[in-house]
Amino acid sequence: MTSSMPRFDAQTIVRDALSLHPSARWVFAAYHLSGCRGCERSDHETLAELADGYRIPLERFLADLNSLLERPA
């Protein structure tokens, strides 16, 4: 059985990640990434590319983002 529930993954585009959950911006801010919403790269950069560029642990970043989907907005 597959889940149709949206999830944050390594290939999620930053713009889409910020739109997926209203509190995603707070997770970004916790990683000192608060400027992503207005960044011109947010329309094509993936979460994996973002994590690599800022040297943040991708799996932990994704886990923190996906934890938002486990509770009400």
N, C-alpha and C. Protein backbone atom coordinates (compact mmCIF):
# COMPACT_ATOMS: atom_id res chain seq x y z
N MET A 1 0.85 -1.18 0.00
CA MET A 1 0.00 0.00 0.00
C MET A 1 0.89 1.24 0.00
N THR A 2 0.64 2.17 -0.93
CA THR A 2 1.43 3.39 -1.00
C THR A 2 0.62 4.54 -0.45
N SER A 3 1.33 5.49 0.09
CA SER A 3 0.68 6.66 0.67
C SER A 3 0.69 7.80 -0.34
N SER A 4 -0.44 8.45 -0.51
CA SER A 4 -0.51 9.60 -1.40
C SER A 4 -0.26 10.90 -0.64
N MET A 5 0.01 10.78 0.64
CA MET A 5 0.28 11.95 1.46
C MET A 5 1.58 12.61 1.00
N PRO A 6 1.56 13.91 0.78
CA PRO A 6 2.81 14.58 0.37
C PRO A 6 3.87 14.47 1.46
N ARG A 7 5.11 14.37 1.02
CA ARG A 7 6.24 14.27 1.94
C ARG A 7 7.35 15.18 1.43
N PHE A 8 8.18 15.60 2.33
CA PHE A 8 9.40 16.30 1.96
C PHE A 8 10.44 15.23 1.62
N ASP A 9 11.11 15.36 0.49
CA ASP A 9 12.19 14.44 0.17
C ASP A 9 13.34 15.22 -0.46
N ALA A 10 14.42 14.53 -0.72
CA ALA A 10 15.65 15.18 -1.20
C ALA A 10 15.42 15.95 -2.49
N GLN A 11 14.50 15.50 -3.32
CA GLN A 11 14.28 16.14 -4.62
C GLN A 11 13.16 17.20 -4.60
N THR A 12 12.60 17.46 -3.43
CA THR A 12 11.59 18.51 -3.31
C THR A 12 12.24 19.85 -3.58
N ILE A 13 11.60 20.65 -4.42
CA ILE A 13 12.08 22.00 -4.71
C ILE A 13 11.82 22.88 -3.49
N VAL A 14 12.76 23.76 -3.18
CA VAL A 14 12.67 24.60 -1.99
C VAL A 14 11.34 25.36 -1.96
N ARG A 15 10.95 25.97 -3.07
CA ARG A 15 9.68 26.71 -3.13
C ARG A 15 8.51 25.81 -2.75
N ASP A 16 8.51 24.58 -3.27
CA ASP A 16 7.43 23.64 -2.97
C ASP A 16 7.45 23.22 -1.51
N ALA A 17 8.64 23.05 -0.96
CA ALA A 17 8.77 22.68 0.46
C ALA A 17 8.18 23.76 1.35
N LEU A 18 8.46 25.00 1.01
CA LEU A 18 7.94 26.11 1.82
C LEU A 18 6.42 26.24 1.70
N SER A 19 5.87 25.73 0.62
CA SER A 19 4.42 25.78 0.42
C SER A 19 3.69 24.56 0.97
N LEU A 20 4.42 23.49 1.21
CA LEU A 20 3.80 22.22 1.62
C LEU A 20 3.19 22.29 3.02
N HIS A 21 3.79 23.07 3.90
CA HIS A 21 3.28 23.19 5.28
C HIS A 21 3.53 24.61 5.78
N PRO A 22 2.58 25.23 6.45
CA PRO A 22 2.75 26.61 6.90
C PRO A 22 3.90 26.81 7.89
N SER A 23 4.31 25.77 8.58
CA SER A 23 5.41 25.91 9.55
C SER A 23 6.77 25.50 8.99
N ALA A 24 6.83 25.14 7.73
CA ALA A 24 8.11 24.75 7.13
C ALA A 24 9.13 25.89 7.25
N ARG A 25 8.66 27.12 7.15
CA ARG A 25 9.59 28.26 7.25
C ARG A 25 10.31 28.29 8.60
N TRP A 26 9.66 27.78 9.63
CA TRP A 26 10.29 27.77 10.95
C TRP A 26 11.38 26.70 11.03
N VAL A 27 11.19 25.60 10.33
CA VAL A 27 12.25 24.58 10.26
C VAL A 27 13.43 25.16 9.50
N PHE A 28 13.17 25.82 8.38
CA PHE A 28 14.24 26.48 7.63
C PHE A 28 14.98 27.47 8.52
N ALA A 29 14.24 28.26 9.27
CA ALA A 29 14.87 29.26 10.15
C ALA A 29 15.73 28.60 11.22
N ALA A 30 15.30 27.44 11.72
CA ALA A 30 16.09 26.73 12.74
C ALA A 30 17.45 26.32 12.20
N TYR A 31 17.53 26.15 10.89
CA TYR A 31 18.80 25.81 10.24
C TYR A 31 19.48 27.06 9.67
N HIS A 32 19.01 28.23 10.09
CA HIS A 32 19.55 29.52 9.63
C HIS A 32 19.37 29.70 8.13
N LEU A 33 18.23 29.28 7.62
CA LEU A 33 17.91 29.37 6.20
C LEU A 33 16.67 30.25 5.99
N SER A 34 16.57 31.32 6.73
CA SER A 34 15.35 32.13 6.68
C SER A 34 15.21 32.95 5.41
N GLY A 35 16.26 33.10 4.61
CA GLY A 35 16.17 33.88 3.39
C GLY A 35 15.72 33.08 2.18
N CYS A 36 15.41 31.81 2.35
CA CYS A 36 15.08 30.95 1.21
C CYS A 36 13.80 31.36 0.49
N ARG A 37 12.84 31.89 1.21
CA ARG A 37 11.56 32.22 0.58
C ARG A 37 11.75 33.25 -0.54
N GLY A 38 12.61 34.21 -0.35
CA GLY A 38 12.80 35.25 -1.35
C GLY A 38 13.96 35.01 -2.29
N CYS A 39 14.65 33.92 -2.13
CA CYS A 39 15.83 33.63 -2.94
C CYS A 39 15.41 33.20 -4.35
N GLU A 40 16.09 33.72 -5.36
CA GLU A 40 15.75 33.36 -6.74
C GLU A 40 16.02 31.89 -7.05
N ARG A 41 16.91 31.25 -6.30
CA ARG A 41 17.20 29.83 -6.52
C ARG A 41 16.11 28.92 -5.98
N SER A 42 15.22 29.44 -5.14
CA SER A 42 14.20 28.59 -4.51
C SER A 42 13.24 27.98 -5.52
N ASP A 43 13.19 28.52 -6.74
CA ASP A 43 12.30 27.98 -7.76
C ASP A 43 12.85 26.73 -8.45
N HIS A 44 14.13 26.44 -8.27
CA HIS A 44 14.70 25.27 -8.95
C HIS A 44 15.66 24.45 -8.10
N GLU A 45 16.08 24.97 -6.94
CA GLU A 45 17.01 24.24 -6.08
C GLU A 45 16.27 23.20 -5.24
N THR A 46 16.83 22.00 -5.15
CA THR A 46 16.22 20.95 -4.35
C THR A 46 16.68 21.05 -2.89
N LEU A 47 15.98 20.34 -2.02
CA LEU A 47 16.40 20.31 -0.63
C LEU A 47 17.77 19.66 -0.49
N ALA A 48 18.07 18.67 -1.31
CA ALA A 48 19.39 18.04 -1.28
C ALA A 48 20.48 19.04 -1.65
N GLU A 49 20.25 19.83 -2.69
CA GLU A 49 21.22 20.83 -3.11
C GLU A 49 21.40 21.90 -2.04
N LEU A 50 20.30 22.29 -1.43
CA LEU A 50 20.34 23.28 -0.36
C LEU A 50 21.16 22.76 0.82
N ALA A 51 20.87 21.54 1.24
CA ALA A 51 21.59 20.94 2.36
C ALA A 51 23.08 20.81 2.06
N ASP A 52 23.40 20.39 0.85
CA ASP A 52 24.80 20.26 0.45
C ASP A 52 25.49 21.62 0.47
N GLY A 53 24.86 22.61 -0.09
CA GLY A 53 25.44 23.94 -0.17
C GLY A 53 25.68 24.59 1.19
N TYR A 54 24.79 24.32 2.13
CA TYR A 54 24.92 24.91 3.46
C TYR A 54 25.51 23.95 4.48
N ARG A 55 25.86 22.75 4.01
CA ARG A 55 26.48 21.74 4.86
C ARG A 55 25.64 21.42 6.10
N ILE A 56 24.37 21.16 5.83
CA ILE A 56 23.50 20.73 6.91
C ILE A 56 23.15 19.26 6.66
N PRO A 57 22.88 18.51 7.70
CA PRO A 57 22.58 17.08 7.53
C PRO A 57 21.21 16.88 6.87
N LEU A 58 21.23 16.40 5.64
CA LEU A 58 20.00 16.25 4.86
C LEU A 58 18.97 15.38 5.55
N GLU A 59 19.37 14.22 6.03
CA GLU A 59 18.39 13.31 6.64
C GLU A 59 17.71 13.93 7.86
N ARG A 60 18.45 14.64 8.65
CA ARG A 60 17.87 15.29 9.83
C ARG A 60 16.94 16.43 9.41
N PHE A 61 17.38 17.22 8.43
CA PHE A 61 16.57 18.31 7.89
C PHE A 61 15.24 17.77 7.37
N LEU A 62 15.29 16.70 6.59
CA LEU A 62 14.07 16.09 6.06
C LEU A 62 13.20 15.52 7.17
N ALA A 63 13.82 14.91 8.16
CA ALA A 63 13.05 14.37 9.28
C ALA A 63 12.32 15.49 10.03
N ASP A 64 13.01 16.61 10.23
CA ASP A 64 12.38 17.74 10.91
C ASP A 64 11.21 18.29 10.09
N LEU A 65 11.41 18.41 8.79
CA LEU A 65 10.32 18.88 7.93
C LEU A 65 9.15 17.89 7.92
N ASN A 66 9.45 16.63 7.75
CA ASN A 66 8.37 15.62 7.70
C ASN A 66 7.65 15.47 9.02
N SER A 67 8.28 15.81 10.12
CA SER A 67 7.59 15.75 11.41
C SER A 67 6.43 16.74 11.46
N LEU A 68 6.51 17.79 10.64
CA LEU A 68 5.40 18.75 10.57
C LEU A 68 4.13 18.10 10.03
N LEU A 69 4.32 17.13 9.16
CA LEU A 69 3.16 16.48 8.52
C LEU A 69 2.49 15.45 9.43
N GLU A 70 3.12 15.17 10.54
CA GLU A 70 2.57 14.20 11.50
C GLU A 70 1.67 14.86 12.53
N ARG A 71 1.58 16.18 12.47
CA ARG A 71 0.69 16.89 13.41
C ARG A 71 -0.09 17.95 12.63
N PRO A 72 -1.19 18.40 13.18
CA PRO A 72 -2.03 19.39 12.48
C PRO A 72 -1.27 20.69 12.24
N ALA A 73 -1.65 21.37 11.15
CA ALA A 73 -1.01 22.66 10.78
C ALA A 73 -1.34 23.75 11.76
